Amino acid sequence: MIRDLELAFIKIHILYHADTEAVFGVGLMEELARHGYEISPGTLYPILAKLESGGFLTCETRTVAHKQRKYYRITPEGRKLLNRMREKIKALYQEVIDQ
């Protein structure tokens, strides 16, 4: 159950960072680790693929140091979802933390 909840937070983090700048897998893993989330490539890349196939992220392949790297950005639909989640987070924060 804990992992399910963490994965939900991870998805919100991904959307947030993809709204701020183009993101890529290893960079996301490092950023998420700073927030205390341990995530393997075998977990992260299917999440990215699902967010992309759901229309929440777009993907662009770039060559970096002679290697192909996929960069993800939020879509308008992803931004709508992120904004809905912000409202839910705000309400939950007020209920759980601000009491």
Protein backbone atom coordinates (compact mmCIF):
# COMPACT_ATOMS: atom_id res chain seq x y z
CA MET A 1 0.00 0.00 0.00
CA ILE A 2 2.84 2.42 0.82
CA ARG A 3 4.36 1.93 -2.63
CA ASP A 4 1.01 2.62 -4.33
CA LEU A 5 0.75 5.96 -2.52
CA GLU A 6 4.37 6.83 -3.29
CA LEU A 7 3.82 6.06 -6.98
CA ALA A 8 0.93 8.53 -7.03
CA PHE A 9 3.19 11.22 -5.56
CA ILE A 10 5.92 10.31 -8.06
CA LYS A 11 3.53 10.84 -10.96
CA ILE A 12 2.61 14.27 -9.64
CA HIS A 13 6.32 15.11 -9.26
CA ILE A 14 6.92 14.05 -12.86
CA LEU A 15 4.09 16.23 -14.15
CA TYR A 16 5.30 19.17 -12.07
CA HIS A 17 8.89 18.94 -13.29
CA ALA A 18 7.82 18.32 -16.91
CA ASP A 19 5.80 21.55 -16.64
CA THR A 20 8.87 23.44 -15.43
CA GLU A 21 11.37 22.09 -18.00
CA ALA A 22 12.04 19.17 -20.32
CA VAL A 23 12.92 16.14 -18.17
CA PHE A 24 14.61 12.81 -18.84
CA GLY A 25 14.71 9.50 -16.98
CA VAL A 26 18.03 9.65 -15.12
CA GLY A 27 17.49 13.29 -14.20
CA LEU A 28 14.05 12.45 -12.81
CA MET A 29 15.47 9.55 -10.81
CA GLU A 30 18.02 11.91 -9.24
CA GLU A 31 15.38 14.56 -8.51
CA LEU A 32 13.01 12.03 -7.00
CA ALA A 33 15.84 10.65 -4.84
CA ARG A 34 16.29 14.15 -3.40
CA HIS A 35 12.69 13.87 -2.23
CA GLY A 36 13.27 10.45 -0.68
CA TYR A 37 11.81 8.30 -3.46
CA GLU A 38 13.84 5.33 -4.65
CA ILE A 39 12.74 4.40 -8.13
CA SER A 40 14.35 2.05 -10.61
CA PRO A 41 14.41 2.50 -14.37
CA GLY A 42 12.11 -0.53 -14.58
CA THR A 43 9.49 1.41 -12.63
CA LEU A 44 10.10 4.92 -13.96
CA TYR A 45 10.11 4.28 -17.70
CA PRO A 46 6.73 2.48 -17.75
CA ILE A 47 5.26 5.41 -15.77
CA LEU A 48 6.64 7.85 -18.35
CA ALA A 49 5.30 5.71 -21.19
CA LYS A 50 1.87 5.54 -19.56
CA LEU A 51 1.76 9.30 -18.99
CA GLU A 52 2.77 9.79 -22.62
CA SER A 53 0.22 7.33 -24.01
CA GLY A 54 -2.43 8.96 -21.82
CA GLY A 55 -1.71 12.29 -23.49
CA PHE A 56 -0.21 13.93 -20.38
CA LEU A 57 3.39 14.10 -21.64
CA THR A 58 5.06 14.48 -25.02
CA CYS A 59 8.40 12.91 -25.83
CA GLU A 60 11.25 14.23 -27.95
CA THR A 61 14.43 12.28 -28.64
CA ARG A 62 17.70 14.23 -28.57
CA THR A 63 21.30 13.18 -29.00
CA VAL A 64 23.39 13.92 -25.92
CA ALA A 65 27.05 12.83 -25.75
CA HIS A 66 26.47 10.57 -28.78
CA LYS A 67 23.54 8.81 -27.08
CA GLN A 68 19.82 9.05 -27.67
CA ARG A 69 17.94 10.54 -24.72
CA LYS A 70 14.18 10.97 -24.42
CA TYR A 71 12.98 14.28 -23.03
CA TYR A 72 9.46 14.71 -21.74
CA ARG A 73 7.31 17.84 -21.49
CA ILE A 74 3.82 18.29 -20.10
CA THR A 75 0.91 18.66 -22.52
CA PRO A 76 -2.09 20.95 -22.08
CA GLU A 77 -4.03 17.90 -20.86
CA GLY A 78 -1.24 17.08 -18.43
CA ARG A 79 -1.32 20.66 -17.14
CA LYS A 80 -5.08 20.36 -16.53
CA LEU A 81 -4.49 17.16 -14.58
CA LEU A 82 -1.66 18.75 -12.59
CA ASN A 83 -3.86 21.72 -11.70
CA ARG A 84 -6.66 19.39 -10.56
CA MET A 85 -4.16 17.50 -8.40
CA ARG A 86 -2.89 20.79 -6.95
CA GLU A 87 -6.39 21.56 -5.73
CA LYS A 88 -6.72 18.11 -4.20
CA ILE A 89 -3.29 18.38 -2.57
CA LYS A 90 -4.20 21.78 -1.17
CA ALA A 91 -7.45 20.44 0.32
CA LEU A 92 -5.67 17.38 1.75
CA TYR A 93 -2.89 19.54 3.21
CA GLN A 94 -5.43 21.79 4.90
CA GLU A 95 -7.23 18.78 6.34
CA VAL A 96 -4.23 16.72 7.43
CA ILE A 97 -1.55 19.30 8.25
CA ASP A 98 -3.28 22.60 9.02
CA GLN A 99 -6.09 21.01 11.04
